[in-house]
Structure formats: C-alpha cells, structure tokens
Amino acid sequence: DEDIDFSDIPKITDFSRFIPGKPRFDAMREHNR
C-alpha cells in the first residue's frame, strides 16, 4: 500500500453537493421488497 502513488488524484475539499445515501438505499430496499 505504501508504494501506491496517490499524488495525481485531486483532493476533495468541497462537500457541499454531497447527499446522504441512506434515504436512497431505504427506497431501493422497499422497491426490491
């Protein structure tokens, strides 16, 4: 793991557009049921 170069992956600093996944998973679970 120490040999993997992550330097070209941009760091995420803006989390404002992130949304919680739980409501989507709950809806998918209900649909599948």
PDB file of all heavy atoms in Angstrom:
ATOM      1  N   ASP A   1       0.826  -1.208   0.000  1.00  0.00           N
ATOM      2  CA  ASP A   1       0.000   0.000   0.000  1.00  0.00           C
ATOM      3  C   ASP A   1       0.859   1.255   0.000  1.00  0.00           C
ATOM      4  O   ASP A   1       0.501   2.265  -0.605  1.00  0.00           O
ATOM      5  CB  ASP A   1      -0.930   0.016   1.221  1.00  0.00           C
ATOM      6  CG  ASP A   1      -2.035  -1.019   1.134  1.00  0.00           C
ATOM      7  OD1 ASP A   1      -2.248  -1.569   0.032  1.00  0.00           O
ATOM      8  OD2 ASP A   1      -2.684  -1.263   2.158  1.00  0.00           O
ATOM      9  N   GLU A   2       1.998   1.205   0.674  1.00  0.00           N
ATOM     10  CA  GLU A   2       2.879   2.374   0.769  1.00  0.00           C
ATOM     11  C   GLU A   2       3.480   2.747  -0.580  1.00  0.00           C
ATOM     12  O   GLU A   2       3.929   3.870  -0.786  1.00  0.00           O
ATOM     13  CB  GLU A   2       4.018   2.115   1.759  1.00  0.00           C
ATOM     14  CG  GLU A   2       3.572   1.885   3.183  1.00  0.00           C
ATOM     15  CD  GLU A   2       3.114   0.455   3.437  1.00  0.00           C
ATOM     16  OE1 GLU A   2       3.623  -0.477   2.787  1.00  0.00           O
ATOM     17  OE2 GLU A   2       2.238   0.283   4.290  1.00  0.00           O
ATOM     18  N   ASP A   3       3.497   1.790  -1.525  1.00  0.00           N
ATOM     19  CA  ASP A   3       4.101   2.034  -2.834  1.00  0.00           C
ATOM     20  C   ASP A   3       3.136   2.663  -3.838  1.00  0.00           C
ATOM     21  O   ASP A   3       3.537   3.027  -4.939  1.00  0.00           O
ATOM     22  CB  ASP A   3       4.633   0.727  -3.420  1.00  0.00           C
ATOM     23  CG  ASP A   3       5.750   0.144  -2.569  1.00  0.00           C
ATOM     24  OD1 ASP A   3       6.416   0.927  -1.857  1.00  0.00           O
ATOM     25  OD2 ASP A   3       5.929  -1.080  -2.612  1.00  0.00           O
ATOM     26  N   ILE A   4       1.873   2.783  -3.478  1.00  0.00           N
ATOM     27  CA  ILE A   4       0.885   3.344  -4.400  1.00  0.00           C
ATOM     28  C   ILE A   4       0.979   4.864  -4.370  1.00  0.00           C
ATOM     29  O   ILE A   4       0.983   5.486  -3.307  1.00  0.00           O
ATOM     30  CB  ILE A   4      -0.540   2.883  -4.024  1.00  0.00           C
ATOM     31  CG1 ILE A   4      -0.610   1.358  -4.075  1.00  0.00           C
ATOM     32  CG2 ILE A   4      -1.572   3.506  -4.956  1.00  0.00           C
ATOM     33  CD1 ILE A   4      -1.898   0.781  -3.553  1.00  0.00           C
ATOM     34  N   ASP A   5       1.048   5.461  -5.545  1.00  0.00           N
ATOM     35  CA  ASP A   5       1.177   6.917  -5.670  1.00  0.00           C
ATOM     36  C   ASP A   5      -0.205   7.530  -5.895  1.00  0.00           C
ATOM     37  O   ASP A   5      -0.832   7.325  -6.922  1.00  0.00           O
ATOM     38  CB  ASP A   5       2.094   7.262  -6.846  1.00  0.00           C
ATOM     39  CG  ASP A   5       2.244   8.751  -7.050  1.00  0.00           C
ATOM     40  OD1 ASP A   5       1.965   9.521  -6.098  1.00  0.00           O
ATOM     41  OD2 ASP A   5       2.635   9.149  -8.151  1.00  0.00           O
ATOM     42  N   PHE A   6      -0.682   8.267  -4.902  1.00  0.00           N
ATOM     43  CA  PHE A   6      -1.983   8.921  -4.994  1.00  0.00           C
ATOM     44  C   PHE A   6      -1.859  10.409  -5.316  1.00  0.00           C
ATOM     45  O   PHE A   6      -2.847  11.133  -5.291  1.00  0.00           O
ATOM     46  CB  PHE A   6      -2.742   8.783  -3.666  1.00  0.00           C
ATOM     47  CG  PHE A   6      -3.104   7.376  -3.320  1.00  0.00           C
ATOM     48  CD1 PHE A   6      -2.413   6.688  -2.340  1.00  0.00           C
ATOM     49  CD2 PHE A   6      -4.145   6.740  -3.969  1.00  0.00           C
ATOM     50  CE1 PHE A   6      -2.742   5.386  -2.019  1.00  0.00           C
ATOM     51  CE2 PHE A   6      -4.488   5.432  -3.654  1.00  0.00           C
ATOM     52  CZ  PHE A   6      -3.787   4.754  -2.678  1.00  0.00           C
ATOM     53  N   SER A   7      -0.675  10.871  -5.657  1.00  0.00           N
ATOM     54  CA  SER A   7      -0.440  12.306  -5.813  1.00  0.00           C
ATOM     55  C   SER A   7      -1.215  12.926  -6.977  1.00  0.00           C
ATOM     56  O   SER A   7      -1.497  14.120  -6.961  1.00  0.00           O
ATOM     57  CB  SER A   7       1.056  12.580  -5.986  1.00  0.00           C
ATOM     58  OG  SER A   7       1.502  11.979  -7.195  1.00  0.00           O
ATOM     59  N   ASP A   8      -1.576  12.138  -7.993  1.00  0.00           N
ATOM     60  CA  ASP A   8      -2.285  12.721  -9.128  1.00  0.00           C
ATOM     61  C   ASP A   8      -3.804  12.733  -8.934  1.00  0.00           C
ATOM     62  O   ASP A   8      -4.536  13.229  -9.781  1.00  0.00           O
ATOM     63  CB  ASP A   8      -1.931  11.973 -10.418  1.00  0.00           C
ATOM     64  CG  ASP A   8      -2.270  10.501 -10.355  1.00  0.00           C
ATOM     65  OD1 ASP A   8      -2.408   9.982  -9.233  1.00  0.00           O
ATOM     66  OD2 ASP A   8      -2.389   9.877 -11.417  1.00  0.00           O
ATOM     67  N   ILE A   9      -4.284  12.213  -7.803  1.00  0.00           N
ATOM     68  CA  ILE A   9      -5.721  12.231  -7.518  1.00  0.00           C
ATOM     69  C   ILE A   9      -6.032  13.528  -6.775  1.00  0.00           C
ATOM     70  O   ILE A   9      -5.463  13.799  -5.716  1.00  0.00           O
ATOM     71  CB  ILE A   9      -6.129  11.023  -6.665  1.00  0.00           C
ATOM     72  CG1 ILE A   9      -5.771   9.730  -7.389  1.00  0.00           C
ATOM     73  CG2 ILE A   9      -7.610  11.072  -6.327  1.00  0.00           C
ATOM     74  CD1 ILE A   9      -5.980   8.488  -6.564  1.00  0.00           C
ATOM     75  N   PRO A  10      -6.930  14.345  -7.310  1.00  0.00           N
ATOM     76  CA  PRO A  10      -7.230  15.614  -6.629  1.00  0.00           C
ATOM     77  C   PRO A  10      -7.945  15.371  -5.297  1.00  0.00           C
ATOM     78  O   PRO A  10      -8.759  14.462  -5.175  1.00  0.00           O
ATOM     79  CB  PRO A  10      -8.137  16.355  -7.618  1.00  0.00           C
ATOM     80  CG  PRO A  10      -8.689  15.299  -8.488  1.00  0.00           C
ATOM     81  CD  PRO A  10      -7.708  14.181  -8.531  1.00  0.00           C
ATOM     82  N   LYS A  11      -7.625  16.189  -4.327  1.00  0.00           N
ATOM     83  CA  LYS A  11      -8.280  16.080  -3.025  1.00  0.00           C
ATOM     84  C   LYS A  11      -9.653  16.738  -3.100  1.00  0.00           C
ATOM     85  O   LYS A  11      -9.830  17.772  -3.736  1.00  0.00           O
ATOM     86  CB  LYS A  11      -7.455  16.770  -1.949  1.00  0.00           C
ATOM     87  CG  LYS A  11      -6.159  16.070  -1.679  1.00  0.00           C
ATOM     88  CD  LYS A  11      -5.467  16.681  -0.499  1.00  0.00           C
ATOM     89  CE  LYS A  11      -4.096  16.080  -0.384  1.00  0.00           C
ATOM     90  NZ  LYS A  11      -3.913  15.198   0.678  1.00  0.00           N
ATOM     91  N   ILE A  12     -10.625  16.127  -2.453  1.00  0.00           N
ATOM     92  CA  ILE A  12     -11.969  16.696  -2.386  1.00  0.00           C
ATOM     93  C   ILE A  12     -12.011  17.637  -1.193  1.00  0.00           C
ATOM     94  O   ILE A  12     -11.746  17.241  -0.061  1.00  0.00           O
ATOM     95  CB  ILE A  12     -13.029  15.593  -2.241  1.00  0.00           C
ATOM     96  CG1 ILE A  12     -12.991  14.672  -3.450  1.00  0.00           C
ATOM     97  CG2 ILE A  12     -14.412  16.200  -2.051  1.00  0.00           C
ATOM     98  CD1 ILE A  12     -13.908  13.482  -3.355  1.00  0.00           C
ATOM     99  N   THR A  13     -12.325  18.883  -1.472  1.00  0.00           N
ATOM    100  CA  THR A  13     -12.404  19.871  -0.392  1.00  0.00           C
ATOM    101  C   THR A  13     -13.796  20.468  -0.278  1.00  0.00           C
ATOM    102  O   THR A  13     -14.137  21.056   0.738  1.00  0.00           O
ATOM    103  CB  THR A  13     -11.400  21.011  -0.630  1.00  0.00           C
ATOM    104  OG1 THR A  13     -11.645  21.590  -1.917  1.00  0.00           O
ATOM    105  CG2 THR A  13      -9.972  20.489  -0.575  1.00  0.00           C
ATOM    106  N   ASP A  14     -14.604  20.318  -1.334  1.00  0.00           N
ATOM    107  CA  ASP A  14     -15.955  20.884  -1.319  1.00  0.00           C
ATOM    108  C   ASP A  14     -16.963  19.739  -1.203  1.00  0.00           C
ATOM    109  O   ASP A  14     -17.205  18.996  -2.148  1.00  0.00           O
ATOM    110  CB  ASP A  14     -16.207  21.681  -2.603  1.00  0.00           C
ATOM    111  CG  ASP A  14     -17.605  22.270  -2.646  1.00  0.00           C
ATOM    112  OD1 ASP A  14     -18.266  22.350  -1.591  1.00  0.00           O
ATOM    113  OD2 ASP A  14     -18.037  22.637  -3.754  1.00  0.00           O
ATOM    114  N   PHE A  15     -17.546  19.594  -0.031  1.00  0.00           N
ATOM    115  CA  PHE A  15     -18.518  18.540   0.211  1.00  0.00           C
ATOM    116  C   PHE A  15     -19.950  19.075   0.170  1.00  0.00           C
ATOM    117  O   PHE A  15     -20.879  18.383   0.578  1.00  0.00           O
ATOM    118  CB  PHE A  15     -18.253  17.888   1.571  1.00  0.00           C
ATOM    119  CG  PHE A  15     -16.923  17.190   1.641  1.00  0.00           C
ATOM    120  CD1 PHE A  15     -15.815  17.822   2.167  1.00  0.00           C
ATOM    121  CD2 PHE A  15     -16.788  15.903   1.170  1.00  0.00           C
ATOM    122  CE1 PHE A  15     -14.590  17.184   2.226  1.00  0.00           C
ATOM    123  CE2 PHE A  15     -15.565  15.251   1.220  1.00  0.00           C
ATOM    124  CZ  PHE A  15     -14.469  15.893   1.747  1.00  0.00           C
ATOM    125  N   SER A  16     -20.151  20.264  -0.332  1.00  0.00           N
ATOM    126  CA  SER A  16     -21.475  20.890  -0.293  1.00  0.00           C
ATOM    127  C   SER A  16     -22.507  20.159  -1.152  1.00  0.00           C
ATOM    128  O   SER A  16     -23.692  20.219  -0.861  1.00  0.00           O
ATOM    129  CB  SER A  16     -21.379  22.355  -0.734  1.00  0.00           C
ATOM    130  OG  SER A  16     -20.940  22.421  -2.082  1.00  0.00           O
ATOM    131  N   ARG A  17     -22.068  19.471  -2.202  1.00  0.00           N
ATOM    132  CA  ARG A  17     -23.022  18.787  -3.073  1.00  0.00           C
ATOM    133  C   ARG A  17     -23.246  17.329  -2.676  1.00  0.00           C
ATOM    134  O   ARG A  17     -24.017  16.623  -3.311  1.00  0.00           O
ATOM    135  CB  ARG A  17     -22.537  18.860  -4.518  1.00  0.00           C
ATOM    136  CG  ARG A  17     -22.507  20.315  -5.034  1.00  0.00           C
ATOM    137  CD  ARG A  17     -22.028  20.446  -6.441  1.00  0.00           C
ATOM    138  NE  ARG A  17     -22.733  19.546  -7.342  1.00  0.00           N
ATOM    139  CZ  ARG A  17     -22.225  19.066  -8.476  1.00  0.00           C
ATOM    140  NH1 ARG A  17     -21.013  19.401  -8.827  1.00  0.00           N
ATOM    141  NH2 ARG A  17     -22.913  18.267  -9.226  1.00  0.00           N
ATOM    142  N   PHE A  18     -22.580  16.880  -1.616  1.00  0.00           N
ATOM    143  CA  PHE A  18     -22.768  15.512  -1.154  1.00  0.00           C
ATOM    144  C   PHE A  18     -24.146  15.385  -0.511  1.00  0.00           C
ATOM    145  O   PHE A  18     -24.617  16.296   0.162  1.00  0.00           O
ATOM    146  CB  PHE A  18     -21.694  15.153  -0.127  1.00  0.00           C
ATOM    147  CG  PHE A  18     -20.386  14.757  -0.742  1.00  0.00           C
ATOM    148  CD1 PHE A  18     -19.900  15.379  -1.869  1.00  0.00           C
ATOM    149  CD2 PHE A  18     -19.628  13.753  -0.183  1.00  0.00           C
ATOM    150  CE1 PHE A  18     -18.687  15.019  -2.429  1.00  0.00           C
ATOM    151  CE2 PHE A  18     -18.426  13.383  -0.724  1.00  0.00           C
ATOM    152  CZ  PHE A  18     -17.947  14.006  -1.855  1.00  0.00           C
ATOM    153  N   ILE A  19     -24.772  14.248  -0.726  1.00  0.00           N
ATOM    154  CA  ILE A  19     -26.068  13.989  -0.098  1.00  0.00           C
ATOM    155  C   ILE A  19     -26.001  12.640   0.617  1.00  0.00           C
ATOM    156  O   ILE A  19     -25.278  11.747   0.191  1.00  0.00           O
ATOM    157  CB  ILE A  19     -27.223  13.994  -1.127  1.00  0.00           C
ATOM    158  CG1 ILE A  19     -26.948  12.974  -2.235  1.00  0.00           C
ATOM    159  CG2 ILE A  19     -27.429  15.369  -1.706  1.00  0.00           C
ATOM    160  CD1 ILE A  19     -28.109  12.799  -3.185  1.00  0.00           C
ATOM    161  N   PRO A  20     -26.774  12.486   1.687  1.00  0.00           N
ATOM    162  CA  PRO A  20     -26.760  11.210   2.395  1.00  0.00           C
ATOM    163  C   PRO A  20     -27.306  10.082   1.512  1.00  0.00           C
ATOM    164  O   PRO A  20     -28.258  10.270   0.757  1.00  0.00           O
ATOM    165  CB  PRO A  20     -27.679  11.443   3.587  1.00  0.00           C
ATOM    166  CG  PRO A  20     -27.876  12.908   3.673  1.00  0.00           C
ATOM    167  CD  PRO A  20     -27.616  13.477   2.324  1.00  0.00           C
ATOM    168  N   GLY A  21     -26.703   8.931   1.589  1.00  0.00           N
ATOM    169  CA  GLY A  21     -27.132   7.802   0.767  1.00  0.00           C
ATOM    170  C   GLY A  21     -28.232   6.975   1.395  1.00  0.00           C
ATOM    171  O   GLY A  21     -28.941   6.248   0.711  1.00  0.00           O
ATOM    172  N   LYS A  22     -28.417   7.060   2.714  1.00  0.00           N
ATOM    173  CA  LYS A  22     -29.373   6.195   3.392  1.00  0.00           C
ATOM    174  C   LYS A  22     -30.786   6.301   2.834  1.00  0.00           C
ATOM    175  O   LYS A  22     -31.424   5.263   2.616  1.00  0.00           O
ATOM    176  CB  LYS A  22     -29.355   6.461   4.887  1.00  0.00           C
ATOM    177  CG  LYS A  22     -30.235   5.485   5.662  1.00  0.00           C
ATOM    178  CD  LYS A  22     -30.058   5.635   7.136  1.00  0.00           C
ATOM    179  CE  LYS A  22     -30.919   4.751   7.977  1.00  0.00           C
ATOM    180  NZ  LYS A  22     -31.892   3.931   7.404  1.00  0.00           N
ATOM    181  N   PRO A  23     -31.330   7.479   2.582  1.00  0.00           N
ATOM    182  CA  PRO A  23     -32.693   7.521   2.036  1.00  0.00           C
ATOM    183  C   PRO A  23     -32.818   6.794   0.692  1.00  0.00           C
ATOM    184  O   PRO A  23     -33.820   6.118   0.435  1.00  0.00           O
ATOM    185  CB  PRO A  23     -32.969   9.017   1.862  1.00  0.00           C
ATOM    186  CG  PRO A  23     -32.063   9.682   2.842  1.00  0.00           C
ATOM    187  CD  PRO A  23     -30.845   8.832   2.907  1.00  0.00           C
ATOM    188  N   ARG A  24     -31.798   6.895  -0.138  1.00  0.00           N
ATOM    189  CA  ARG A  24     -31.844   6.185  -1.418  1.00  0.00           C
ATOM    190  C   ARG A  24     -31.819   4.682  -1.216  1.00  0.00           C
ATOM    191  O   ARG A  24     -32.534   3.936  -1.870  1.00  0.00           O
ATOM    192  CB  ARG A  24     -30.674   6.590  -2.299  1.00  0.00           C
ATOM    193  CG  ARG A  24     -30.805   7.967  -2.873  1.00  0.00           C
ATOM    194  CD  ARG A  24     -29.689   8.228  -3.831  1.00  0.00           C
ATOM    195  NE  ARG A  24     -29.848   9.526  -4.447  1.00  0.00           N
ATOM    196  CZ  ARG A  24     -28.974  10.069  -5.236  1.00  0.00           C
ATOM    197  NH1 ARG A  24     -27.865   9.437  -5.527  1.00  0.00           N
ATOM    198  NH2 ARG A  24     -29.183  11.249  -5.756  1.00  0.00           N
ATOM    199  N   PHE A  25     -30.951   4.224  -0.302  1.00  0.00           N
ATOM    200  CA  PHE A  25     -30.878   2.793  -0.040  1.00  0.00           C
ATOM    201  C   PHE A  25     -32.176   2.267   0.557  1.00  0.00           C
ATOM    202  O   PHE A  25     -32.618   1.166   0.238  1.00  0.00           O
ATOM    203  CB  PHE A  25     -29.700   2.464   0.877  1.00  0.00           C
ATOM    204  CG  PHE A  25     -28.370   2.672   0.219  1.00  0.00           C
ATOM    205  CD1 PHE A  25     -27.416   3.478   0.784  1.00  0.00           C
ATOM    206  CD2 PHE A  25     -28.065   2.050  -0.983  1.00  0.00           C
ATOM    207  CE1 PHE A  25     -26.184   3.668   0.184  1.00  0.00           C
ATOM    208  CE2 PHE A  25     -26.844   2.231  -1.609  1.00  0.00           C
ATOM    209  CZ  PHE A  25     -25.898   3.049  -1.015  1.00  0.00           C
ATOM    210  N   ASP A  26     -32.789   3.060   1.439  1.00  0.00           N
ATOM    211  CA  ASP A  26     -34.070   2.646   2.014  1.00  0.00           C
ATOM    212  C   ASP A  26     -35.134   2.521   0.926  1.00  0.00           C
ATOM    213  O   ASP A  26     -35.917   1.566   0.926  1.00  0.00           O
ATOM    214  CB  ASP A  26     -34.530   3.642   3.077  1.00  0.00           C
ATOM    215  CG  ASP A  26     -33.671   3.584   4.334  1.00  0.00           C
ATOM    216  OD1 ASP A  26     -32.937   2.592   4.521  1.00  0.00           O
ATOM    217  OD2 ASP A  26     -33.743   4.541   5.126  1.00  0.00           O
ATOM    218  N   ALA A  27     -35.150   3.479  -0.006  1.00  0.00           N
ATOM    219  CA  ALA A  27     -36.120   3.429  -1.099  1.00  0.00           C
ATOM    220  C   ALA A  27     -35.857   2.226  -2.003  1.00  0.00           C
ATOM    221  O   ALA A  27     -36.800   1.541  -2.435  1.00  0.00           O
ATOM    222  CB  ALA A  27     -36.074   4.727  -1.908  1.00  0.00           C
ATOM    223  N   MET A  28     -34.596   1.940  -2.279  1.00  0.00           N
ATOM    224  CA  MET A  28     -34.260   0.782  -3.111  1.00  0.00           C
ATOM    225  C   MET A  28     -34.654  -0.513  -2.411  1.00  0.00           C
ATOM    226  O   MET A  28     -35.179  -1.437  -3.036  1.00  0.00           O
ATOM    227  CB  MET A  28     -32.761   0.762  -3.429  1.00  0.00           C
ATOM    228  CG  MET A  28     -32.358   1.809  -4.434  1.00  0.00           C
ATOM    229  SD  MET A  28     -30.594   1.941  -4.842  1.00  0.00           S
ATOM    230  CE  MET A  28     -29.796   0.616  -4.074  1.00  0.00           C
ATOM    231  N   ARG A  29     -34.420  -0.587  -1.105  1.00  0.00           N
ATOM    232  CA  ARG A  29     -34.770  -1.781  -0.345  1.00  0.00           C
ATOM    233  C   ARG A  29     -36.285  -2.012  -0.399  1.00  0.00           C
ATOM    234  O   ARG A  29     -36.749  -3.136  -0.599  1.00  0.00           O
ATOM    235  CB  ARG A  29     -34.302  -1.621   1.099  1.00  0.00           C
ATOM    236  CG  ARG A  29     -34.450  -2.868   1.929  1.00  0.00           C
ATOM    237  CD  ARG A  29     -33.912  -2.706   3.357  1.00  0.00           C
ATOM    238  NE  ARG A  29     -32.513  -2.313   3.383  1.00  0.00           N
ATOM    239  CZ  ARG A  29     -32.081  -1.132   3.828  1.00  0.00           C
ATOM    240  NH1 ARG A  29     -32.913  -0.234   4.291  1.00  0.00           N
ATOM    241  NH2 ARG A  29     -30.798  -0.843   3.816  1.00  0.00           N
ATOM    242  N   GLU A  30     -37.050  -0.958  -0.238  1.00  0.00           N
ATOM    243  CA  GLU A  30     -38.512  -1.073  -0.297  1.00  0.00           C
ATOM    244  C   GLU A  30     -38.974  -1.507  -1.680  1.00  0.00           C
ATOM    245  O   GLU A  30     -39.845  -2.360  -1.827  1.00  0.00           O
ATOM    246  CB  GLU A  30     -39.145   0.275   0.088  1.00  0.00           C
ATOM    247  CG  GLU A  30     -40.650   0.275   0.076  1.00  0.00           C
ATOM    248  CD  GLU A  30     -41.259  -0.658   1.112  1.00  0.00           C
ATOM    249  OE1 GLU A  30     -40.573  -1.026   2.084  1.00  0.00           O
ATOM    250  OE2 GLU A  30     -42.432  -1.036   0.939  1.00  0.00           O
ATOM    251  N   HIS A  31     -38.382  -0.925  -2.712  1.00  0.00           N
ATOM    252  CA  HIS A  31     -38.729  -1.306  -4.084  1.00  0.00           C
ATOM    253  C   HIS A  31     -38.407  -2.781  -4.324  1.00  0.00           C
ATOM    254  O   HIS A  31     -39.234  -3.527  -4.871  1.00  0.00           O
ATOM    255  CB  HIS A  31     -37.968  -0.438  -5.082  1.00  0.00           C
ATOM    256  CG  HIS A  31     -38.095  -0.892  -6.497  1.00  0.00           C
ATOM    257  ND1 HIS A  31     -39.240  -0.692  -7.238  1.00  0.00           N
ATOM    258  CD2 HIS A  31     -37.242  -1.573  -7.292  1.00  0.00           C
ATOM    259  CE1 HIS A  31     -39.071  -1.228  -8.431  1.00  0.00           C
ATOM    260  NE2 HIS A  31     -37.864  -1.766  -8.498  1.00  0.00           N
ATOM    261  N   ASN A  32     -37.230  -3.212  -3.905  1.00  0.00           N
ATOM    262  CA  ASN A  32     -36.840  -4.610  -4.095  1.00  0.00           C
ATOM    263  C   ASN A  32     -37.767  -5.551  -3.342  1.00  0.00           C
ATOM    264  O   ASN A  32     -38.094  -6.635  -3.827  1.00  0.00           O
ATOM    265  CB  ASN A  32     -35.388  -4.832  -3.657  1.00  0.00           C
ATOM    266  CG  ASN A  32     -34.411  -4.171  -4.591  1.00  0.00           C
ATOM    267  OD1 ASN A  32     -34.734  -3.862  -5.731  1.00  0.00           O
ATOM    268  ND2 ASN A  32     -33.205  -3.941  -4.102  1.00  0.00           N
ATOM    269  N   ARG A  33     -38.190  -5.147  -2.148  1.00  0.00           N
ATOM    270  CA  ARG A  33     -39.120  -5.970  -1.377  1.00  0.00           C
ATOM    271  C   ARG A  33     -40.431  -6.152  -2.128  1.00  0.00           C
ATOM    272  O   ARG A  33     -40.966  -7.264  -2.240  1.00  0.00           O
ATOM    273  CB  ARG A  33     -39.375  -5.340  -0.011  1.00  0.00           C
ATOM    274  CG  ARG A  33     -40.235  -6.202   0.913  1.00  0.00           C
ATOM    275  CD  ARG A  33     -40.599  -5.461   2.194  1.00  0.00           C
ATOM    276  NE  ARG A  33     -41.387  -4.267   1.950  1.00  0.00           N
ATOM    277  CZ  ARG A  33     -42.690  -4.272   1.640  1.00  0.00           C
ATOM    278  NH1 ARG A  33     -43.336  -5.386   1.500  1.00  0.00           N
ATOM    279  NH2 ARG A  33     -43.332  -3.135   1.448  1.00  0.00           N
TER     280      ARG A  33
END
